[in-house]
Amino acid sequence: MIVPRISFLIEALRTMTPPDTPRKSLGRTNPPTSTRLQRPWTAWASAVLRGLALAASLVMVTEILRVFVGSNIHEILPGRVYRSAQLSGEELLRFAAAHGIRTIVNLRGCCDPLPWYVAECRATHAAGLAQEDIDTNER
């Protein structure tokens, strides 16, 4: 009959203990069966790797914040040449007035129907600045 055999297996599974815990057989305890050696350098290596991961994460977050939140305006030649991402008309006027800029070089070329280009042209014309459009695309 199969039923007694199944109940015997179920009872055996209930009484089993994990290999690292002591068994209550014959009043003795068995040593842990784990043969994995503990290496002293693993804790140190783990700490170093965690520190490197944290440092890389901080650098990445700082760069993301600088690009998306910051102004992205950089001085190439002190007091003479600056570079920036696309500025709005108001930002362009403010920056040009603060730094004495007389010429704006647009590396996207003439983009007459686009709103950003029209706003930039109006801002430079209103401020009396020269605007040079240079198309860097290979067409």
C-alpha atoms as a PDB file:
ATOM      1  CA  MET A   1       0.000   0.000   0.000  1.00  0.00           C
ATOM      2  CA  ILE A   2       1.321   3.458  -0.962  1.00  0.00           C
ATOM      3  CA  VAL A   3      -0.229   5.591   1.794  1.00  0.00           C
ATOM      4  CA  PRO A   4       2.077   4.372   4.633  1.00  0.00           C
ATOM      5  CA  ARG A   5       5.148   5.056   2.499  1.00  0.00           C
ATOM      6  CA  ILE A   6       4.036   8.629   1.789  1.00  0.00           C
ATOM      7  CA  SER A   7       3.266   9.310   5.447  1.00  0.00           C
ATOM      8  CA  PHE A   8       6.703   7.948   6.371  1.00  0.00           C
ATOM      9  CA  LEU A   9       8.355  10.379   3.883  1.00  0.00           C
ATOM     10  CA  ILE A  10       6.317  13.306   5.137  1.00  0.00           C
ATOM     11  CA  GLU A  11       7.314  12.526   8.741  1.00  0.00           C
ATOM     12  CA  ALA A  12      10.964  12.206   7.708  1.00  0.00           C
ATOM     13  CA  LEU A  13      10.855  15.602   5.958  1.00  0.00           C
ATOM     14  CA  ARG A  14       9.352  17.248   9.043  1.00  0.00           C
ATOM     15  CA  THR A  15      12.070  15.978  11.327  1.00  0.00           C
ATOM     16  CA  MET A  16      14.965  16.924   9.032  1.00  0.00           C
ATOM     17  CA  THR A  17      17.105  19.865  10.058  1.00  0.00           C
ATOM     18  CA  PRO A  18      19.375  22.000   7.913  1.00  0.00           C
ATOM     19  CA  PRO A  19      22.932  20.654   7.641  1.00  0.00           C
ATOM     20  CA  ASP A  20      24.513  23.503   9.656  1.00  0.00           C
ATOM     21  CA  THR A  21      22.358  22.977  12.746  1.00  0.00           C
ATOM     22  CA  PRO A  22      23.182  20.342  15.350  1.00  0.00           C
ATOM     23  CA  ARG A  23      21.230  17.088  15.210  1.00  0.00           C
ATOM     24  CA  LYS A  24      19.940  15.355  18.293  1.00  0.00           C
ATOM     25  CA  SER A  25      21.170  11.918  17.408  1.00  0.00           C
ATOM     26  CA  LEU A  26      22.980   9.921  20.069  1.00  0.00           C
ATOM     27  CA  GLY A  27      23.600  12.990  22.212  1.00  0.00           C
ATOM     28  CA  ARG A  28      26.346  14.259  19.892  1.00  0.00           C
ATOM     29  CA  THR A  29      26.379  17.317  17.710  1.00  0.00           C
ATOM     30  CA  ASN A  30      27.657  17.176  14.179  1.00  0.00           C
ATOM     31  CA  PRO A  31      30.052  19.882  12.986  1.00  0.00           C
ATOM     32  CA  PRO A  32      28.759  22.220  10.294  1.00  0.00           C
ATOM     33  CA  THR A  33      28.907  20.576   6.909  1.00  0.00           C
ATOM     34  CA  SER A  34      29.870  23.799   5.122  1.00  0.00           C
ATOM     35  CA  THR A  35      33.346  23.355   3.647  1.00  0.00           C
ATOM     36  CA  ARG A  36      33.545  26.899   2.328  1.00  0.00           C
ATOM     37  CA  LEU A  37      36.642  28.605   3.713  1.00  0.00           C
ATOM     38  CA  GLN A  38      36.301  32.093   5.110  1.00  0.00           C
ATOM     39  CA  ARG A  39      38.893  34.297   3.476  1.00  0.00           C
ATOM     40  CA  PRO A  40      40.006  37.350   5.478  1.00  0.00           C
ATOM     41  CA  TRP A  41      40.292  39.570   2.409  1.00  0.00           C
ATOM     42  CA  THR A  42      36.671  39.100   1.271  1.00  0.00           C
ATOM     43  CA  ALA A  43      35.285  41.566   3.820  1.00  0.00           C
ATOM     44  CA  TRP A  44      37.927  44.124   2.822  1.00  0.00           C
ATOM     45  CA  ALA A  45      37.308  43.595  -0.910  1.00  0.00           C
ATOM     46  CA  SER A  46      33.573  43.882  -0.395  1.00  0.00           C
ATOM     47  CA  ALA A  47      33.994  47.177   1.459  1.00  0.00           C
ATOM     48  CA  VAL A  48      36.275  48.541  -1.274  1.00  0.00           C
ATOM     49  CA  LEU A  49      33.815  47.552  -4.015  1.00  0.00           C
ATOM     50  CA  ARG A  50      30.930  49.144  -2.143  1.00  0.00           C
ATOM     51  CA  GLY A  51      32.960  52.327  -1.696  1.00  0.00           C
ATOM     52  CA  LEU A  52      33.821  52.428  -5.399  1.00  0.00           C
ATOM     53  CA  ALA A  53      30.182  51.867  -6.348  1.00  0.00           C
ATOM     54  CA  LEU A  54      29.123  54.695  -4.021  1.00  0.00           C
ATOM     55  CA  ALA A  55      31.771  57.043  -5.441  1.00  0.00           C
ATOM     56  CA  ALA A  56      30.744  56.233  -9.032  1.00  0.00           C
ATOM     57  CA  SER A  57      27.094  56.836  -8.151  1.00  0.00           C
ATOM     58  CA  LEU A  58      27.908  60.217  -6.593  1.00  0.00           C
ATOM     59  CA  VAL A  59      29.921  61.284  -9.641  1.00  0.00           C
ATOM     60  CA  MET A  60      27.095  60.231 -11.955  1.00  0.00           C
ATOM     61  CA  VAL A  61      24.419  62.063  -9.935  1.00  0.00           C
ATOM     62  CA  THR A  62      26.592  65.195  -9.767  1.00  0.00           C
ATOM     63  CA  GLU A  63      27.094  65.189 -13.537  1.00  0.00           C
ATOM     64  CA  ILE A  64      23.384  64.633 -14.210  1.00  0.00           C
ATOM     65  CA  LEU A  65      22.480  67.534 -11.920  1.00  0.00           C
ATOM     66  CA  ARG A  66      25.115  69.768 -13.527  1.00  0.00           C
ATOM     67  CA  VAL A  67      23.778  69.074 -17.028  1.00  0.00           C
ATOM     68  CA  PHE A  68      20.047  69.217 -16.332  1.00  0.00           C
ATOM     69  CA  VAL A  69      19.883  71.802 -13.539  1.00  0.00           C
ATOM     70  CA  GLY A  70      23.041  73.846 -14.056  1.00  0.00           C
ATOM     71  CA  SER A  71      23.588  76.602 -16.602  1.00  0.00           C
ATOM     72  CA  ASN A  72      26.084  74.721 -18.794  1.00  0.00           C
ATOM     73  CA  ILE A  73      27.989  77.949 -19.510  1.00  0.00           C
ATOM     74  CA  HIS A  74      31.771  77.671 -19.625  1.00  0.00           C
ATOM     75  CA  GLU A  75      34.579  80.164 -20.090  1.00  0.00           C
ATOM     76  CA  ILE A  76      36.992  79.145 -22.874  1.00  0.00           C
ATOM     77  CA  LEU A  77      39.320  82.176 -22.865  1.00  0.00           C
ATOM     78  CA  PRO A  78      38.884  84.227 -19.691  1.00  0.00           C
ATOM     79  CA  GLY A  79      36.913  87.388 -20.437  1.00  0.00           C
ATOM     80  CA  ARG A  80      36.894  86.772 -24.196  1.00  0.00           C
ATOM     81  CA  VAL A  81      35.270  83.504 -25.339  1.00  0.00           C
ATOM     82  CA  TYR A  82      32.385  81.581 -23.730  1.00  0.00           C
ATOM     83  CA  ARG A  83      30.409  78.527 -24.758  1.00  0.00           C
ATOM     84  CA  SER A  84      27.008  77.375 -23.631  1.00  0.00           C
ATOM     85  CA  ALA A  85      24.062  75.199 -24.443  1.00  0.00           C
ATOM     86  CA  GLN A  86      21.056  76.801 -26.115  1.00  0.00           C
ATOM     87  CA  LEU A  87      20.020  79.832 -24.056  1.00  0.00           C
ATOM     88  CA  SER A  88      16.619  81.486 -24.181  1.00  0.00           C
ATOM     89  CA  GLY A  89      16.429  85.058 -25.464  1.00  0.00           C
ATOM     90  CA  GLU A  90      16.260  86.508 -21.954  1.00  0.00           C
ATOM     91  CA  GLU A  91      19.148  84.377 -20.680  1.00  0.00           C
ATOM     92  CA  LEU A  92      21.218  85.365 -23.705  1.00  0.00           C
ATOM     93  CA  LEU A  93      20.628  89.086 -23.103  1.00  0.00           C
ATOM     94  CA  ARG A  94      21.397  88.791 -19.390  1.00  0.00           C
ATOM     95  CA  PHE A  95      24.616  86.840 -19.989  1.00  0.00           C
ATOM     96  CA  ALA A  96      25.787  89.125 -22.812  1.00  0.00           C
ATOM     97  CA  ALA A  97      25.225  92.246 -20.697  1.00  0.00           C
ATOM     98  CA  ALA A  98      26.963  90.744 -17.657  1.00  0.00           C
ATOM     99  CA  HIS A  99      30.077  89.683 -19.587  1.00  0.00           C
ATOM    100  CA  GLY A 100      30.355  92.387 -22.270  1.00  0.00           C
ATOM    101  CA  ILE A 101      29.704  90.010 -25.169  1.00  0.00           C
ATOM    102  CA  ARG A 102      29.432  91.673 -28.609  1.00  0.00           C
ATOM    103  CA  THR A 103      29.111  88.688 -30.965  1.00  0.00           C
ATOM    104  CA  ILE A 104      27.042  85.502 -30.766  1.00  0.00           C
ATOM    105  CA  VAL A 105      28.177  82.537 -32.867  1.00  0.00           C
ATOM    106  CA  ASN A 106      25.385  80.062 -33.563  1.00  0.00           C
ATOM    107  CA  LEU A 107      26.760  76.682 -34.676  1.00  0.00           C
ATOM    108  CA  ARG A 108      23.363  75.335 -35.738  1.00  0.00           C
ATOM    109  CA  GLY A 109      23.188  77.541 -38.793  1.00  0.00           C
ATOM    110  CA  CYS A 110      20.218  79.586 -39.954  1.00  0.00           C
ATOM    111  CA  CYS A 111      17.031  77.930 -38.655  1.00  0.00           C
ATOM    112  CA  ASP A 112      14.595  80.688 -39.597  1.00  0.00           C
ATOM    113  CA  PRO A 113      11.201  79.077 -38.938  1.00  0.00           C
ATOM    114  CA  LEU A 114      12.105  77.596 -35.547  1.00  0.00           C
ATOM    115  CA  PRO A 115      10.911  79.539 -32.463  1.00  0.00           C
ATOM    116  CA  TRP A 116      14.234  79.346 -30.584  1.00  0.00           C
ATOM    117  CA  TYR A 117      16.079  80.821 -33.569  1.00  0.00           C
ATOM    118  CA  VAL A 118      13.596  83.667 -34.002  1.00  0.00           C
ATOM    119  CA  ALA A 119      13.801  84.473 -30.254  1.00  0.00           C
ATOM    120  CA  GLU A 120      17.611  84.436 -30.427  1.00  0.00           C
ATOM    121  CA  CYS A 121      17.669  86.731 -33.463  1.00  0.00           C
ATOM    122  CA  ARG A 122      15.246  89.178 -31.860  1.00  0.00           C
ATOM    123  CA  ALA A 123      17.261  89.212 -28.620  1.00  0.00           C
ATOM    124  CA  THR A 124      20.595  89.826 -30.364  1.00  0.00           C
ATOM    125  CA  HIS A 125      19.096  92.517 -32.616  1.00  0.00           C
ATOM    126  CA  ALA A 126      17.420  94.279 -29.662  1.00  0.00           C
ATOM    127  CA  ALA A 127      20.704  94.280 -27.734  1.00  0.00           C
ATOM    128  CA  GLY A 128      22.743  95.480 -30.725  1.00  0.00           C
ATOM    129  CA  LEU A 129      24.812  92.287 -30.826  1.00  0.00           C
ATOM    130  CA  ALA A 130      26.237  90.682 -33.949  1.00  0.00           C
ATOM    131  CA  GLN A 131      25.030  87.174 -34.689  1.00  0.00           C
ATOM    132  CA  GLU A 132      26.996  84.810 -36.896  1.00  0.00           C
ATOM    133  CA  ASP A 133      25.275  81.614 -38.060  1.00  0.00           C
ATOM    134  CA  ILE A 134      27.614  78.770 -38.979  1.00  0.00           C
ATOM    135  CA  ASP A 135      26.152  75.508 -40.234  1.00  0.00           C
ATOM    136  CA  THR A 136      28.309  72.590 -39.098  1.00  0.00           C
ATOM    137  CA  ASN A 137      26.215  69.871 -40.763  1.00  0.00           C
ATOM    138  CA  GLU A 138      27.612  68.106 -43.796  1.00  0.00           C
ATOM    139  CA  ARG A 139      24.979  68.468 -46.488  1.00  0.00           C
END
